[in-house]
Amino acid sequence: MAGRAVSVARIGAVLAAAGIAAGCTSIVNHRGYIADPLLVASVQPGIDNRESVEKTLGHPSFTSQFGQPVWYYIASNTKQAPFGQPRIYQHAVYAVHFDRAGNVTSFDTSGMEKLARINPVGAKTPTLGRHRGFLQDLFGNIGAVGTGGGAAKGGGGSSGG
């Protein structure tokens, strides 16, 4: 009977460890354009135009606003550890360049090599006024209630008679 209790305890410990380990796995997510390699490879400069590209690849993620017309298709795969920030581990940008007539002039692909990682500065912006601590914010108004009351003294309010 004691051997059976030990084996049940071992099974319970193994299941508990597996549950804890499953909770520590990363979350994998896809963001943006879902690329089909066969469709992406079928876009040919000099043959395709805006209509055929839109029928093949779909509506672009965004388009250029200035200069030569360019359509961008952007895809990213991210991993996120529990309680962490998502990190990009795979990234692709497909750029379809058009001439003024709407014909494809070139097709470029870039990846992680052009991904910019930006680390914002953690400093705080100074503000004017008093620098108060938590307790001063919490208890600072004690005794200040009921000291003002301009209309109650008859200065600016209307009287009923």
Foldseek 3Di string as FASTA:
>chain_A
DVVVVVVVVVVVVVVVVVVVVVLFFKDKDKDFFDDDVVLLVPQDAPPDFPVVNCVRRNAAPDWDDDDWTKGKGKMFMWIATVVGDTDTDKIKIWIFTAHPVGTTHDIDMDIPVPDDDDDDDPDDDDDDDDDDDPVCVVCVCVPVPPPDDVVVVPPPDDDDD
